[in-house]
C-alpha atoms as a PDB file:
ATOM      1  CA  MET A   1      -5.412   2.346   9.170  1.00  0.00           C
ATOM      2  CA  ASN A   2      -8.401   0.050   8.770  1.00  0.00           C
ATOM      3  CA  ALA A   3      -6.666  -3.289   9.328  1.00  0.00           C
ATOM      4  CA  SER A   4      -9.791  -5.128  10.494  1.00  0.00           C
ATOM      5  CA  ALA A   5     -11.557  -4.328   7.222  1.00  0.00           C
ATOM      6  CA  VAL A   6      -8.591  -5.683   5.277  1.00  0.00           C
ATOM      7  CA  PHE A   7      -8.557  -8.887   7.327  1.00  0.00           C
ATOM      8  CA  GLY A   8     -12.281  -9.281   6.713  1.00  0.00           C
ATOM      9  CA  LEU A   9     -11.887  -8.827   2.978  1.00  0.00           C
ATOM     10  CA  VAL A  10      -8.792 -11.000   2.525  1.00  0.00           C
ATOM     11  CA  LEU A  11      -9.741 -13.816   4.861  1.00  0.00           C
ATOM     12  CA  GLY A  12     -13.404 -13.540   3.927  1.00  0.00           C
ATOM     13  CA  SER A  13     -12.485 -14.123   0.295  1.00  0.00           C
ATOM     14  CA  LYS A  14     -11.904 -17.735   1.275  1.00  0.00           C
ATOM     15  CA  GLN A  15     -15.522 -18.847   1.116  1.00  0.00           C
ATOM     16  CA  SER A  16     -16.593 -21.503   3.554  1.00  0.00           C
ATOM     17  CA  CYS A  17     -16.834 -24.918   2.035  1.00  0.00           C
ATOM     18  CA  LYS A  18     -17.307 -28.487   3.136  1.00  0.00           C
ATOM     19  CA  ILE A  19     -14.072 -30.120   4.095  1.00  0.00           C
ATOM     20  CA  ALA A  20     -13.779 -33.831   3.492  1.00  0.00           C
ATOM     21  CA  GLY A  21     -10.808 -35.552   5.017  1.00  0.00           C
ATOM     22  CA  VAL A  22      -7.702 -34.605   6.926  1.00  0.00           C
ATOM     23  CA  GLY A  23      -5.806 -33.710   3.747  1.00  0.00           C
ATOM     24  CA  ASN A  24      -8.337 -31.037   2.865  1.00  0.00           C
ATOM     25  CA  ILE A  25      -8.288 -29.626   6.398  1.00  0.00           C
ATOM     26  CA  CYS A  26      -4.510 -29.340   6.247  1.00  0.00           C
ATOM     27  CA  GLN A  27      -4.693 -27.610   2.868  1.00  0.00           C
ATOM     28  CA  VAL A  28      -7.280 -25.066   4.061  1.00  0.00           C
ATOM     29  CA  ILE A  29      -5.266 -24.364   7.217  1.00  0.00           C
ATOM     30  CA  GLN A  30      -2.092 -23.923   5.176  1.00  0.00           C
ATOM     31  CA  GLU A  31      -3.775 -21.553   2.677  1.00  0.00           C
ATOM     32  CA  THR A  32      -5.350 -19.486   5.444  1.00  0.00           C
ATOM     33  CA  SER A  33      -2.042 -19.316   7.301  1.00  0.00           C
ATOM     34  CA  PHE A  34      -0.274 -18.141   4.162  1.00  0.00           C
ATOM     35  CA  LEU A  35      -2.900 -15.438   3.508  1.00  0.00           C
ATOM     36  CA  HIS A  36      -2.697 -14.336   7.139  1.00  0.00           C
ATOM     37  CA  GLY A  37       1.114 -14.173   7.130  1.00  0.00           C
ATOM     38  CA  THR A  38       1.311 -12.142   3.923  1.00  0.00           C
ATOM     39  CA  LEU A  39      -1.338  -9.745   5.160  1.00  0.00           C
ATOM     40  CA  ILE A  40       0.467  -9.266   8.492  1.00  0.00           C
ATOM     41  CA  ASP A  41       3.719  -8.508   6.608  1.00  0.00           C
ATOM     42  CA  VAL A  42       2.055  -5.772   4.559  1.00  0.00           C
ATOM     43  CA  LEU A  43       0.190  -4.258   7.525  1.00  0.00           C
ATOM     44  CA  GLU A  44       3.395  -4.190   9.614  1.00  0.00           C
ATOM     45  CA  GLU A  45       5.248  -2.545   6.742  1.00  0.00           C
ATOM     46  CA  VAL A  46       2.593   0.167   6.364  1.00  0.00           C
ATOM     47  CA  GLN A  47       2.434   0.715  10.136  1.00  0.00           C
ATOM     48  CA  SER A  48       6.225   0.980  10.323  1.00  0.00           C
ATOM     49  CA  CYS A  49       6.159   3.661   7.622  1.00  0.00           C
ATOM     50  CA  ARG A  50       3.450   5.551   9.507  1.00  0.00           C
ATOM     51  CA  SER A  51       5.543   5.617  12.671  1.00  0.00           C
ATOM     52  CA  ARG A  52       8.860   6.508  10.969  1.00  0.00           C
ATOM     53  CA  LEU A  53       7.769   9.005   8.323  1.00  0.00           C
ATOM     54  CA  LEU A  54       6.289  12.101   9.898  1.00  0.00           C
ATOM     55  CA  ASN A  55       4.956  13.401   6.590  1.00  0.00           C
ATOM     56  CA  LEU A  56       2.987  10.206   5.861  1.00  0.00           C
ATOM     57  CA  SER A  57      -0.283  11.486   7.249  1.00  0.00           C
ATOM     58  CA  PHE A  58      -2.838   9.022   5.911  1.00  0.00           C
ATOM     59  CA  THR A  59      -2.960   5.314   5.027  1.00  0.00           C
ATOM     60  CA  HIS A  60      -6.182   3.572   4.123  1.00  0.00           C
ATOM     61  CA  PHE A  61      -7.153   0.296   2.459  1.00  0.00           C
ATOM     62  CA  ASP A  62     -10.186   0.300   0.165  1.00  0.00           C
ATOM     63  CA  CYS A  63     -12.158  -2.593  -1.230  1.00  0.00           C
ATOM     64  CA  ILE A  64     -12.880  -2.065  -4.925  1.00  0.00           C
ATOM     65  CA  ASN A  65     -16.030  -3.759  -6.261  1.00  0.00           C
ATOM     66  CA  GLY A  66     -15.625  -6.629  -3.813  1.00  0.00           C
ATOM     67  CA  CYS A  67     -12.752  -8.139  -5.791  1.00  0.00           C
ATOM     68  CA  GLY A  68      -9.906  -5.650  -5.533  1.00  0.00           C
ATOM     69  CA  LEU A  69      -7.921  -3.955  -2.818  1.00  0.00           C
ATOM     70  CA  GLN A  70      -6.175  -0.586  -2.922  1.00  0.00           C
ATOM     71  CA  LEU A  71      -3.897   1.224  -0.488  1.00  0.00           C
ATOM     72  CA  GLN A  72      -4.168   5.007  -0.341  1.00  0.00           C
ATOM     73  CA  LEU A  73      -1.167   6.961   0.941  1.00  0.00           C
ATOM     74  CA  LYS A  74      -0.973  10.694   1.597  1.00  0.00           C
ATOM     75  CA  PHE A  75       2.246  12.616   2.289  1.00  0.00           C
ATOM     76  CA  ILE A  76       2.255  16.288   3.335  1.00  0.00           C
ATOM     77  CA  ASN A  77       5.077  18.804   3.641  1.00  0.00           C
ATOM     78  CA  ASP A  78       3.769  21.082   6.401  1.00  0.00           C
ATOM     79  CA  ARG A  79       6.157  23.910   5.520  1.00  0.00           C
ATOM     80  CA  THR A  80       5.233  24.214   1.850  1.00  0.00           C
ATOM     81  CA  GLY A  81       1.749  22.719   1.750  1.00  0.00           C
ATOM     82  CA  LEU A  82       2.919  20.241  -0.886  1.00  0.00           C
ATOM     83  CA  GLU A  83       0.846  17.067  -0.770  1.00  0.00           C
ATOM     84  CA  ALA A  84       1.320  13.759  -2.592  1.00  0.00           C
ATOM     85  CA  ARG A  85      -1.465  11.194  -2.838  1.00  0.00           C
ATOM     86  CA  LEU A  86      -0.778   7.717  -4.147  1.00  0.00           C
ATOM     87  CA  VAL A  87      -3.096   4.793  -4.753  1.00  0.00           C
ATOM     88  CA  LEU A  88      -1.486   1.344  -4.913  1.00  0.00           C
ATOM     89  CA  ASP A  89      -3.101  -1.840  -6.195  1.00  0.00           C
ATOM     90  CA  MET A  90      -2.972  -4.431  -3.399  1.00  0.00           C
ATOM     91  CA  SER A  91      -5.232  -7.024  -5.055  1.00  0.00           C
ATOM     92  CA  ASN A  92      -2.428  -9.615  -4.928  1.00  0.00           C
ATOM     93  CA  LEU A  93      -3.067  -9.863  -1.188  1.00  0.00           C
ATOM     94  CA  LEU A  94      -6.378 -11.540  -1.941  1.00  0.00           C
ATOM     95  CA  ARG A  95      -4.358 -14.451  -3.341  1.00  0.00           C
ATOM     96  CA  GLY A  96      -1.776 -14.394  -0.552  1.00  0.00           C
ATOM     97  CA  VAL A  97       0.887 -12.820  -2.759  1.00  0.00           C
ATOM     98  CA  TYR A  98       3.072  -9.961  -1.487  1.00  0.00           C
ATOM     99  CA  PRO A  99       2.666  -6.930  -3.815  1.00  0.00           C
ATOM    100  CA  SER A 100       6.347  -7.001  -4.806  1.00  0.00           C
ATOM    101  CA  ASP A 101       5.798  -4.970  -7.964  1.00  0.00           C
ATOM    102  CA  ALA A 102       3.122  -2.598  -6.671  1.00  0.00           C
ATOM    103  CA  PHE A 103       3.049   0.519  -8.809  1.00  0.00           C
ATOM    104  CA  PRO A 104       0.805   3.510  -8.139  1.00  0.00           C
ATOM    105  CA  LEU A 105      -2.412   3.442 -10.119  1.00  0.00           C
ATOM    106  CA  GLU A 106      -2.706   7.130  -9.393  1.00  0.00           C
ATOM    107  CA  VAL A 107      -0.318   9.892  -8.284  1.00  0.00           C
ATOM    108  CA  LYS A 108      -1.661  13.333  -7.409  1.00  0.00           C
ATOM    109  CA  ILE A 109       0.439  16.269  -6.288  1.00  0.00           C
ATOM    110  CA  LEU A 110      -1.459  19.131  -4.686  1.00  0.00           C
ATOM    111  CA  GLN A 111      -0.114  22.415  -3.394  1.00  0.00           C
ATOM    112  CA  ASP A 112      -0.839  26.071  -2.895  1.00  0.00           C
ATOM    113  CA  THR A 113      -1.365  27.890  -6.196  1.00  0.00           C
ATOM    114  CA  LYS A 114       1.497  30.276  -5.339  1.00  0.00           C
ATOM    115  CA  GLN A 115       4.128  27.674  -6.248  1.00  0.00           C
ATOM    116  CA  PRO A 116       4.184  26.172  -9.789  1.00  0.00           C
ATOM    117  CA  LYS A 117       6.301  23.108  -8.907  1.00  0.00           C
ATOM    118  CA  SER A 118       3.681  20.381  -8.893  1.00  0.00           C
ATOM    119  CA  MET A 119       4.339  19.013 -12.421  1.00  0.00           C
ATOM    120  CA  LEU A 120       8.054  18.738 -11.673  1.00  0.00           C
ATOM    121  CA  VAL A 121       7.276  16.887  -8.458  1.00  0.00           C
ATOM    122  CA  VAL A 122       4.956  14.470 -10.300  1.00  0.00           C
ATOM    123  CA  GLU A 123       7.770  13.731 -12.760  1.00  0.00           C
ATOM    124  CA  GLU A 124      10.279  13.252  -9.923  1.00  0.00           C
ATOM    125  CA  VAL A 125       7.937  10.918  -8.030  1.00  0.00           C
ATOM    126  CA  ASP A 126       7.244   8.930 -11.199  1.00  0.00           C
ATOM    127  CA  LYS A 127      10.966   8.648 -11.962  1.00  0.00           C
ATOM    128  CA  GLU A 128      11.831   7.530  -8.413  1.00  0.00           C
ATOM    129  CA  ILE A 129       9.089   4.912  -8.372  1.00  0.00           C
ATOM    130  CA  ARG A 130      10.108   3.465 -11.742  1.00  0.00           C
ATOM    131  CA  VAL A 131      13.660   2.730 -10.551  1.00  0.00           C
ATOM    132  CA  LEU A 132      12.524   0.871  -7.428  1.00  0.00           C
ATOM    133  CA  GLN A 133      13.483  -2.772  -7.385  1.00  0.00           C
ATOM    134  CA  THR A 134      10.687  -5.276  -7.103  1.00  0.00           C
ATOM    135  CA  GLY A 135      10.396  -7.468  -4.048  1.00  0.00           C
ATOM    136  CA  TYR A 136      10.103  -7.108  -0.315  1.00  0.00           C
ATOM    137  CA  PRO A 137       9.964  -4.389   1.191  1.00  0.00           C
ATOM    138  CA  ARG A 138       8.451  -2.633  -1.834  1.00  0.00           C
ATOM    139  CA  ILE A 139       5.934  -0.538   0.138  1.00  0.00           C
ATOM    140  CA  LYS A 140       8.581   0.681   2.609  1.00  0.00           C
ATOM    141  CA  ASN A 141      10.977   1.654  -0.185  1.00  0.00           C
ATOM    142  CA  LEU A 142       8.245   3.433  -2.115  1.00  0.00           C
ATOM    143  CA  CYS A 143       7.112   5.365   0.973  1.00  0.00           C
ATOM    144  CA  ASP A 144      10.706   6.323   1.856  1.00  0.00           C
ATOM    145  CA  ARG A 145      11.363   7.733  -1.627  1.00  0.00           C
ATOM    146  CA  VAL A 146       8.123   9.692  -1.863  1.00  0.00           C
ATOM    147  CA  SER A 147       8.619  11.028   1.660  1.00  0.00           C
ATOM    148  CA  ARG A 148      12.123  12.299   0.804  1.00  0.00           C
ATOM    149  CA  LEU A 149      10.906  13.945  -2.400  1.00  0.00           C
ATOM    150  CA  ILE A 150       8.064  15.725  -0.639  1.00  0.00           C
ATOM    151  CA  GLU A 151      10.407  16.997   2.077  1.00  0.00           C
ATOM    152  CA  LYS A 152      13.137  18.159  -0.305  1.00  0.00           C
ATOM    153  CA  ASN A 153      10.734  20.253  -2.422  1.00  0.00           C
ATOM    154  CA  ARG A 154      10.540  23.517  -0.540  1.00  0.00           C
END
């Protein structure tokens, strides 16, 4: 996981400016602290999923056009070759907001051509994601559900 790049993007989005007065210093410190705390929460959640879910093989944050942030997740069932790739919009992090309603921008299911299950799996993943409640820990819950679906499809 490329956490340093995410920190650079999120904290770097706060452009340096002249600070006049103690009140402004306090405000900038408070905003930066809030951004930092939210970012740490998300990174810990993703890292926790990586350590718990053996089929979550890839997590990566991408900067999109300098103003957006996406999280790529890849789950693989080693027995069947079934693979799920999800891309989540994490742009709320740039404003210090936890992505409590993050919904995949893209879901791809890949597998060996011998097994024609991939459309059913896409529908199952979509259905499971739609019933997720918003709020913290959205990323953990989403990863848990997709992980279970990938493992159950043999």
